[in-house]
């Protein structure tokens, strides 16, 4: 289980699949969680199956499984009825296995216990909003939004053209034309609302995100008898991308913990404001100006760097302290190569940087302190994600994207 939960969140399905395959032989595996706004489906298995599994199919299946229970039954997955094993954790995270044989689910209690640990680990990683999670989530959100916009535009064009044809007065059979026109109109409305629905599921209203933060922080301040004022952002502000909402809560909580470590802390004020371009976090106190700025910077810098946030810290003896964080809501405009690198996890980027430097697998393994077979695994993974067939092509993409080459430790 340590091997399963220890590593990049984006690959947890593959690690869980390897762990389960002996006792629960399966062709494909899916973890479905709404907590991960950027990538709610985490999959392992043949691309021709897992890439076609729709969120609506997973929602329909989840509705048939009670929390804290398992089932073995037929369900529509990837557009076809298939025999599945499903586990729904009390955290509302769903595990779906597609077994190699149509048979009852064995060892139900053991599988539920294993998945409970995986679901808890996912919840903790999302709540902590680690820099790796935020980077992966932002890359996934950006790619999905771009794909949805392109598909929406293409479908709108087709349906609009169809409507023009159907409404042409020269067509015969008015009843058929009217029925087809109605169907095309409904389809056009549905496809236009698809992007809005996806955004509603992957983004949070700023006021709702702040209210969740309020509920999480207030018990801590209450136990320590620290008076606090919470200033929420406007209710009608621009919706926050999921990774920004998670990251902002984690940044605010980290700042509050450092503030509350001060002796004789006076009143604390926690405020969020937002507009169409950024979310601003403002935490200040009325203390004696004894804030540990080094601890504060250390606790904030990883997440802030990933979200491209700007941080200002002010400490005035006798007057108090303040931290001001500005988080842009939109990711930076990237080159094609930079967008391709966004699909790589942290370890794959480390390996690619050494490929750019011209190192072979043995040298990379020595430099990173991992097995040569593990390096081969990561090289194969990054070649697949970058859609190239050689190390040289991968290195060229890394160079064009501005990935700095890293020499091995012996050269250093």
Protein backbone atom coordinates (compact mmCIF):
# COMPACT_ATOMS: atom_id res chain seq x y z
CA UNK A 1 0.00 0.00 0.00
CA UNK A 2 2.90 2.32 0.59
CA UNK A 3 3.98 1.74 -3.02
CA UNK A 4 0.43 2.62 -4.14
CA UNK A 5 -0.05 5.87 -2.24
CA UNK A 6 3.55 7.13 -2.49
CA UNK A 7 4.04 8.88 -5.82
CA UNK A 8 2.43 11.33 -8.25
CA UNK A 9 -1.35 11.43 -7.93
CA UNK A 10 -1.77 11.26 -11.70
CA UNK A 11 -0.29 7.72 -11.71
CA UNK A 12 -2.11 6.31 -8.67
CA UNK A 13 -4.52 4.26 -10.81
CA UNK A 14 -1.63 2.45 -12.51
CA UNK A 15 0.04 1.72 -9.17
CA UNK A 16 -3.24 0.46 -7.66
CA UNK A 17 -3.88 -1.71 -10.73
CA UNK A 18 -0.50 -3.43 -10.33
CA UNK A 19 -1.26 -4.00 -6.63
CA UNK A 20 -4.68 -5.57 -7.25
CA UNK A 21 -4.07 -7.60 -10.39
CA UNK A 22 -3.10 -10.88 -8.66
CA UNK A 23 -6.09 -11.16 -6.30
CA UNK A 24 -8.56 -9.30 -8.53
CA UNK A 25 -7.53 -9.98 -12.17
CA UNK A 26 -8.83 -7.17 -14.34
CA UNK A 27 -8.50 -5.65 -17.78
CA UNK A 28 -8.98 -2.00 -16.78
CA UNK A 29 -9.32 0.13 -13.65
CA UNK A 30 -10.86 3.55 -13.00
CA UNK A 31 -10.82 5.76 -9.90
CA UNK A 32 -13.51 8.44 -10.06
CA UNK A 33 -13.41 11.37 -7.64
CA UNK A 34 -14.92 14.83 -7.92
CA UNK A 35 -12.27 16.11 -5.48
CA UNK A 36 -9.72 16.24 -8.29
CA UNK A 37 -11.28 18.96 -10.43
CA UNK A 38 -8.60 18.78 -13.10
CA UNK A 39 -8.65 15.02 -13.59
CA UNK A 40 -11.67 13.33 -11.94
CA UNK A 41 -11.00 10.05 -13.81
CA UNK A 42 -7.75 8.24 -13.01
CA UNK A 43 -7.40 5.24 -15.29
CA UNK A 44 -5.23 2.22 -16.03
CA UNK A 45 -5.70 -0.20 -18.90
CA UNK A 46 -6.05 -0.28 -22.70
CA UNK A 47 -6.52 3.19 -24.16
CA UNK A 48 -9.28 1.97 -26.47
CA UNK A 49 -11.35 1.26 -23.33
CA UNK A 50 -10.32 3.72 -20.62
CA UNK A 51 -10.17 6.75 -22.92
CA UNK A 52 -13.81 6.20 -23.90
CA UNK A 53 -15.21 5.93 -20.36
CA UNK A 54 -17.45 8.95 -19.82
CA UNK A 55 -18.00 10.80 -16.57
CA UNK A 56 -21.76 10.40 -17.06
CA UNK A 57 -21.30 6.60 -17.14
CA UNK A 58 -19.34 6.71 -13.89
CA UNK A 59 -21.96 8.93 -12.26
CA UNK A 60 -24.71 6.52 -13.29
CA UNK A 61 -22.79 3.57 -11.86
CA UNK A 62 -22.00 5.38 -8.62
CA UNK A 63 -25.69 6.12 -8.10
CA UNK A 64 -26.37 2.36 -7.97
CA UNK A 65 -23.74 1.64 -5.28
CA UNK A 66 -24.33 2.64 -1.66
CA UNK A 67 -21.48 4.41 0.19
CA UNK A 68 -19.20 1.96 2.00
CA UNK A 69 -20.30 -0.96 -0.18
CA UNK A 70 -19.34 -3.06 -3.21
CA UNK A 71 -21.18 -4.59 -6.12
CA UNK A 72 -20.64 -6.88 -9.11
CA UNK A 73 -23.01 -6.23 -11.99
CA UNK A 74 -23.37 -5.11 -15.58
CA UNK A 75 -22.95 -1.40 -16.35
CA UNK A 76 -22.43 0.77 -19.40
CA UNK A 77 -18.72 1.58 -19.64
CA UNK A 78 -16.98 3.01 -22.71
CA UNK A 79 -20.28 2.89 -24.59
CA UNK A 80 -20.95 -0.84 -24.07
CA UNK A 81 -22.49 -3.02 -21.39
CA UNK A 82 -19.71 -4.71 -19.43
CA UNK A 83 -19.38 -6.77 -16.26
CA UNK A 84 -17.80 -4.58 -13.57
CA UNK A 85 -16.72 -4.74 -9.95
CA UNK A 86 -17.38 -1.45 -8.15
CA UNK A 87 -16.47 -0.09 -4.71
CA UNK A 88 -17.84 3.20 -3.40
CA UNK A 89 -15.91 4.61 -0.46
CA UNK A 90 -17.56 6.72 2.24
CA UNK A 91 -15.62 9.70 0.81
CA UNK A 92 -17.78 9.29 -2.35
CA UNK A 93 -14.78 8.11 -4.37
CA UNK A 94 -15.58 5.26 -6.77
CA UNK A 95 -13.38 2.34 -7.84
CA UNK A 96 -14.34 0.42 -10.98
CA UNK A 97 -12.62 -2.79 -12.08
CA UNK A 98 -13.39 -4.54 -15.36
CA UNK A 99 -12.64 -8.19 -14.54
CA UNK A 100 -11.27 -10.62 -17.07
CA UNK A 101 -14.11 -13.04 -16.27
CA UNK A 102 -17.81 -12.48 -15.56
CA UNK A 103 -17.82 -13.66 -11.95
CA UNK A 104 -18.77 -12.44 -8.45
CA UNK A 105 -16.45 -10.00 -6.68
CA UNK A 106 -14.04 -11.96 -4.43
CA UNK A 107 -12.65 -10.74 -1.10
CA UNK A 108 -15.03 -7.78 -0.92
CA UNK A 109 -14.02 -6.63 2.54
CA UNK A 110 -10.33 -6.68 1.71
CA UNK A 111 -10.80 -4.75 -1.53
CA UNK A 112 -12.97 -2.16 0.25
CA UNK A 113 -10.32 -1.72 2.96
CA UNK A 114 -7.53 -1.29 0.42
CA UNK A 115 -9.51 1.26 -1.56
CA UNK A 116 -10.43 3.12 1.64
CA UNK A 117 -6.72 3.81 2.17
CA UNK A 118 -6.31 4.93 -1.44
CA UNK A 119 -9.36 7.22 -1.25
CA UNK A 120 -8.10 8.73 2.00
CA UNK A 121 -4.68 9.36 0.47
CA UNK A 122 -6.29 11.12 -2.52
CA UNK A 123 -8.40 13.30 -0.21
CA UNK A 124 -5.34 14.26 1.83
CA UNK A 125 -3.24 15.11 -1.23
CA UNK A 126 -6.01 17.28 -2.64
CA UNK A 127 -6.59 19.03 0.71
CA UNK A 128 -2.87 19.68 1.14
CA UNK A 129 -2.69 20.99 -2.44
CA UNK A 130 0.94 20.02 -2.93
CA UNK A 131 2.84 21.81 -5.72
CA UNK A 132 2.95 18.59 -7.77
CA UNK A 133 -0.82 18.14 -7.47
CA UNK A 134 -1.51 21.79 -8.35
CA UNK A 135 0.75 21.65 -11.42
CA UNK A 136 -0.82 18.43 -12.68
CA UNK A 137 -4.34 19.67 -12.01
CA UNK A 138 -3.75 22.97 -13.77
CA UNK A 139 -2.31 21.20 -16.82
CA UNK A 140 -5.29 18.84 -16.95
CA UNK A 141 -7.82 21.66 -16.52
CA UNK A 142 -6.22 23.68 -19.30
CA UNK A 143 -6.13 20.74 -21.71
CA UNK A 144 -9.73 19.76 -20.97
CA UNK A 145 -11.05 23.29 -21.34
CA UNK A 146 -9.25 23.67 -24.67
CA UNK A 147 -10.63 20.34 -25.96
CA UNK A 148 -14.17 21.18 -24.84
CA UNK A 149 -14.05 24.59 -26.52
CA UNK A 150 -12.81 23.06 -29.79
CA UNK A 151 -15.46 20.31 -29.74
CA UNK A 152 -18.20 22.77 -28.84
CA UNK A 153 -17.25 25.06 -31.73
CA UNK A 154 -17.15 22.13 -34.18
CA UNK A 155 -20.50 20.72 -33.06
CA UNK A 156 -22.12 24.16 -33.11
CA UNK A 157 -21.01 24.67 -36.70
CA UNK A 158 -22.40 21.29 -37.81
CA UNK A 159 -25.71 21.69 -36.00
CA UNK A 160 -26.15 25.29 -37.11
CA UNK A 161 -25.59 24.21 -40.73
CA UNK A 162 -28.09 21.41 -40.29
CA UNK A 163 -30.68 23.82 -38.92
CA UNK A 164 -30.21 26.17 -41.88
CA UNK A 165 -30.84 23.28 -44.25
CA UNK A 166 -33.87 21.99 -42.36
CA UNK A 167 -35.44 25.43 -42.22
CA UNK A 168 -35.06 25.95 -45.97
CA UNK A 169 -38.56 26.55 -47.44
CA UNK A 170 -37.84 24.39 -50.47
CA UNK A 171 -37.82 21.14 -48.42
CA UNK A 172 -40.83 18.81 -48.74
CA UNK A 173 -42.63 16.96 -45.95
CA UNK A 174 -43.15 19.71 -43.40
CA UNK A 175 -43.79 17.32 -40.50
CA UNK A 176 -40.44 15.52 -40.93
CA UNK A 177 -38.64 18.80 -41.32
CA UNK A 178 -40.29 20.19 -38.17
CA UNK A 179 -39.33 17.09 -36.12
CA UNK A 180 -35.75 17.18 -37.39
CA UNK A 181 -35.53 20.91 -36.75
CA UNK A 182 -36.71 20.42 -33.17
CA UNK A 183 -34.20 17.63 -32.56
CA UNK A 184 -31.33 19.65 -34.01
CA UNK A 185 -32.34 22.70 -31.95
CA UNK A 186 -32.33 20.66 -28.74
CA UNK A 187 -28.94 19.16 -29.64
CA UNK A 188 -27.52 22.62 -30.29
CA UNK A 189 -28.74 23.84 -26.89
CA UNK A 190 -27.26 20.76 -25.22
CA UNK A 191 -23.83 21.13 -26.81
CA UNK A 192 -23.71 24.83 -25.95
CA UNK A 193 -24.51 24.02 -22.33
CA UNK A 194 -21.89 21.26 -22.19
CA UNK A 195 -19.03 23.67 -21.57
CA UNK A 196 -21.01 25.45 -18.85
CA UNK A 197 -21.78 22.13 -17.14
CA UNK A 198 -18.13 21.09 -17.20
CA UNK A 199 -17.05 24.42 -15.74
CA UNK A 200 -19.66 24.09 -13.00
CA UNK A 201 -18.18 20.71 -12.04
CA UNK A 202 -14.50 21.73 -12.25
CA UNK A 203 -14.68 25.27 -10.80
CA UNK A 204 -15.87 26.78 -7.53
CA UNK A 205 -17.65 30.11 -6.90
CA UNK A 206 -15.23 32.23 -4.85
CA UNK A 207 -17.73 32.79 -2.04
CA UNK A 208 -18.40 29.04 -1.72
CA UNK A 209 -14.66 28.28 -1.75
CA UNK A 210 -14.10 30.84 1.01
CA UNK A 211 -16.99 29.46 3.08
CA UNK A 212 -15.35 26.03 2.96
CA UNK A 213 -12.09 27.62 4.16
CA UNK A 214 -14.01 29.37 6.96
CA UNK A 215 -15.45 26.06 8.18
CA UNK A 216 -12.01 24.41 8.14
CA UNK A 217 -10.15 27.21 9.98
CA UNK A 218 -12.70 28.37 12.54
CA UNK A 219 -12.36 25.35 14.91
CA UNK A 220 -8.59 25.93 15.17
CA UNK A 221 -9.03 29.60 16.05
CA UNK A 222 -11.86 28.81 18.45
CA UNK A 223 -9.76 26.28 20.39
CA UNK A 224 -6.98 28.83 20.77
CA UNK A 225 -9.45 31.60 21.71
CA UNK A 226 -8.18 33.83 18.88
CA UNK A 227 -10.78 36.38 17.74
CA UNK A 228 -11.00 36.42 13.96
CA UNK A 229 -12.81 38.30 11.22
CA UNK A 230 -13.58 36.54 7.93
CA UNK A 231 -14.17 38.78 4.90
CA UNK A 232 -15.61 36.79 2.00
CA UNK A 233 -15.29 37.71 -1.69
CA UNK A 234 -18.28 38.83 -3.75
CA UNK A 235 -20.89 36.16 -4.36
CA UNK A 236 -21.05 36.91 -8.09
CA UNK A 237 -17.28 36.90 -8.75
CA UNK A 238 -15.64 34.85 -11.50
CA UNK A 239 -15.56 31.13 -10.69
CA UNK A 240 -12.21 29.81 -9.51
CA UNK A 241 -10.45 26.94 -11.32
CA UNK A 242 -10.37 23.93 -9.01
CA UNK A 243 -6.60 24.00 -8.51
CA UNK A 244 -6.73 27.71 -7.62
CA UNK A 245 -9.48 27.11 -5.04
CA UNK A 246 -7.59 24.20 -3.46
CA UNK A 247 -4.29 26.07 -3.57
CA UNK A 248 -5.77 29.26 -2.11
CA UNK A 249 -7.26 27.38 0.82
CA UNK A 250 -3.96 25.60 1.48
CA UNK A 251 -1.99 28.88 1.25
CA UNK A 252 -4.42 30.62 3.61
CA UNK A 253 -4.34 27.78 6.12
CA UNK A 254 -0.53 27.68 6.07
CA UNK A 255 -0.36 31.43 6.67
CA UNK A 256 -2.88 31.26 9.52
CA UNK A 257 -0.87 28.49 11.23
CA UNK A 258 2.26 30.66 11.17
CA UNK A 259 0.32 33.69 12.44
CA UNK A 260 -1.17 31.70 15.34
CA UNK A 261 2.31 30.59 16.44
CA UNK A 262 3.00 34.14 17.65
CA UNK A 263 2.79 34.83 21.38
CA UNK A 264 0.00 37.17 22.50
CA UNK A 265 -1.66 37.24 19.09
CA UNK A 266 -4.34 39.88 18.77
CA UNK A 267 -7.28 39.86 16.40
CA UNK A 268 -6.77 38.07 13.06
CA UNK A 269 -8.41 39.17 9.80
CA UNK A 270 -8.69 36.73 6.88
CA UNK A 271 -9.98 38.13 3.59
CA UNK A 272 -10.31 37.05 -0.02
CA UNK A 273 -11.11 39.34 -2.92
CA UNK A 274 -11.33 38.42 -6.58
CA UNK A 275 -11.92 39.91 -10.00
CA UNK A 276 -11.78 38.59 -13.55
CA UNK A 277 -8.00 38.12 -13.45
CA UNK A 278 -6.85 37.15 -9.96
CA UNK A 279 -7.71 36.01 -6.47
CA UNK A 280 -6.15 37.99 -3.61
CA UNK A 281 -5.56 36.53 -0.14
CA UNK A 282 -5.00 38.98 2.69
CA UNK A 283 -4.19 37.81 6.24
CA UNK A 284 -3.28 40.36 8.90
CA UNK A 285 -3.18 40.64 12.68
CA UNK A 286 -3.07 43.26 15.40
CA UNK A 287 -0.15 41.70 17.25
CA UNK A 288 3.29 42.88 18.23
CA UNK A 289 4.93 42.26 14.86
CA UNK A 290 6.68 39.01 15.84
CA UNK A 291 5.74 36.95 12.78
CA UNK A 292 8.28 34.28 11.77
CA UNK A 293 8.75 35.45 8.19
CA UNK A 294 11.21 32.66 7.33
CA UNK A 295 8.72 29.96 8.38
CA UNK A 296 5.93 31.78 6.53
CA UNK A 297 7.92 32.01 3.29
CA UNK A 298 8.96 28.37 3.50
CA UNK A 299 5.37 27.19 4.02
CA UNK A 300 4.02 29.23 1.09
CA UNK A 301 6.69 29.28 -1.60
CA UNK A 302 6.15 25.82 -3.17
CA UNK A 303 2.44 26.24 -3.85
CA UNK A 304 2.85 29.92 -4.71
CA UNK A 305 5.51 29.15 -7.31
CA UNK A 306 3.32 26.48 -8.94
CA UNK A 307 0.34 28.86 -9.15
CA UNK A 308 2.58 31.80 -10.22
CA UNK A 309 1.38 33.69 -7.16
CA UNK A 310 3.04 36.85 -5.85
CA UNK A 311 3.62 37.17 -2.10
CA UNK A 312 4.20 40.31 -0.02
CA UNK A 313 4.94 40.09 3.71
CA UNK A 314 4.93 43.12 6.00
CA UNK A 315 5.99 43.06 9.65
CA UNK A 316 6.01 46.26 11.72
CA UNK A 317 7.11 46.02 15.34
CA UNK A 318 4.35 47.14 17.66
CA UNK A 319 1.76 47.33 14.88
CA UNK A 320 1.34 43.83 13.51
CA UNK A 321 1.95 41.65 10.45
CA UNK A 322 0.35 41.09 7.09
CA UNK A 323 0.71 38.63 4.19
CA UNK A 324 -0.74 39.49 0.78
CA UNK A 325 -0.94 36.78 -1.93
CA UNK A 326 -2.09 37.41 -5.51
CA UNK A 327 -2.99 34.31 -7.58
CA UNK A 328 -3.73 34.65 -11.32
CA UNK A 329 -6.83 32.72 -12.38
CA UNK A 330 -5.58 31.85 -15.86
CA UNK A 331 -2.52 29.71 -16.61
CA UNK A 332 0.27 31.33 -18.62
CA UNK A 333 0.24 31.20 -22.39
CA UNK A 334 2.59 28.39 -23.34
CA UNK A 335 4.35 27.21 -26.45
CA UNK A 336 3.32 23.89 -27.98
CA UNK A 337 6.40 22.27 -26.44
CA UNK A 338 5.66 23.68 -23.00
CA UNK A 339 2.11 22.37 -23.24
CA UNK A 340 3.49 18.93 -24.10
CA UNK A 341 5.78 19.00 -21.06
CA UNK A 342 2.78 19.82 -18.86
CA UNK A 343 1.63 16.21 -19.26
CA UNK A 344 4.80 14.91 -17.60
CA UNK A 345 4.97 14.29 -13.86
CA UNK A 346 7.83 15.54 -11.69
CA UNK A 347 10.02 12.42 -12.04
CA UNK A 348 9.54 12.28 -15.82
CA UNK A 349 10.63 15.92 -16.09
CA UNK A 350 13.73 15.13 -14.01
CA UNK A 351 14.56 12.22 -16.31
CA UNK A 352 13.92 14.31 -19.45
CA UNK A 353 16.22 17.05 -18.16
CA UNK A 354 19.01 14.48 -17.96
CA UNK A 355 18.15 13.12 -21.42
CA UNK A 356 18.50 16.71 -22.68
CA UNK A 357 21.97 16.71 -21.08
CA UNK A 358 22.85 13.58 -23.08
CA UNK A 359 23.02 11.16 -20.14
CA UNK A 360 22.35 7.46 -20.64
CA UNK A 361 20.10 5.37 -18.42
CA UNK A 362 22.85 4.18 -16.05
CA UNK A 363 24.08 7.74 -15.44
CA UNK A 364 20.52 8.98 -14.90
CA UNK A 365 19.88 6.17 -12.42
CA UNK A 366 23.05 7.00 -10.47
CA UNK A 367 22.23 10.72 -10.44
CA UNK A 368 18.66 10.25 -9.21
CA UNK A 369 19.41 7.35 -6.89
CA UNK A 370 16.95 4.96 -8.55
CA UNK A 371 17.21 1.65 -10.41
CA UNK A 372 18.15 1.61 -14.09
CA UNK A 373 14.94 -0.37 -14.80
CA UNK A 374 12.97 2.48 -13.21
CA UNK A 375 14.70 4.95 -15.52
CA UNK A 376 13.74 2.81 -18.53
CA UNK A 377 10.13 2.84 -17.28
CA UNK A 378 10.10 6.65 -16.99
CA UNK A 379 11.77 7.11 -20.40
CA UNK A 380 9.14 4.88 -22.02
CA UNK A 381 6.41 6.86 -20.25
CA UNK A 382 7.65 10.27 -21.34
CA UNK A 383 8.18 9.09 -24.94
CA UNK A 384 4.55 7.94 -24.99
CA UNK A 385 3.22 11.17 -23.48
CA UNK A 386 5.27 13.31 -25.87
CA UNK A 387 4.18 11.11 -28.83
CA UNK A 388 7.75 10.56 -30.03
CA UNK A 389 9.75 7.42 -30.76
CA UNK A 390 13.29 8.35 -29.74
CA UNK A 391 15.25 10.02 -26.96
CA UNK A 392 16.58 12.56 -29.45
CA UNK A 393 13.08 13.74 -30.37
CA UNK A 394 12.17 14.00 -26.70
CA UNK A 395 15.33 15.99 -25.98
CA UNK A 396 14.50 18.38 -28.83
CA UNK A 397 11.07 19.05 -27.34
CA UNK A 398 12.66 19.64 -23.94
CA UNK A 399 15.18 22.09 -25.38
CA UNK A 400 12.53 24.03 -27.34
CA UNK A 401 10.37 24.23 -24.21
CA UNK A 402 13.25 25.79 -22.29
CA UNK A 403 13.83 22.82 -19.99
CA UNK A 404 17.30 23.39 -18.52
CA UNK A 405 19.69 20.46 -18.98
CA UNK A 406 21.06 18.92 -15.79
CA UNK A 407 24.44 17.26 -15.65
CA UNK A 408 25.05 14.19 -13.54
CA UNK A 409 26.54 14.40 -10.06
CA UNK A 410 29.97 13.22 -11.21
CA UNK A 411 30.20 16.13 -13.66
CA UNK A 412 29.01 18.53 -10.96
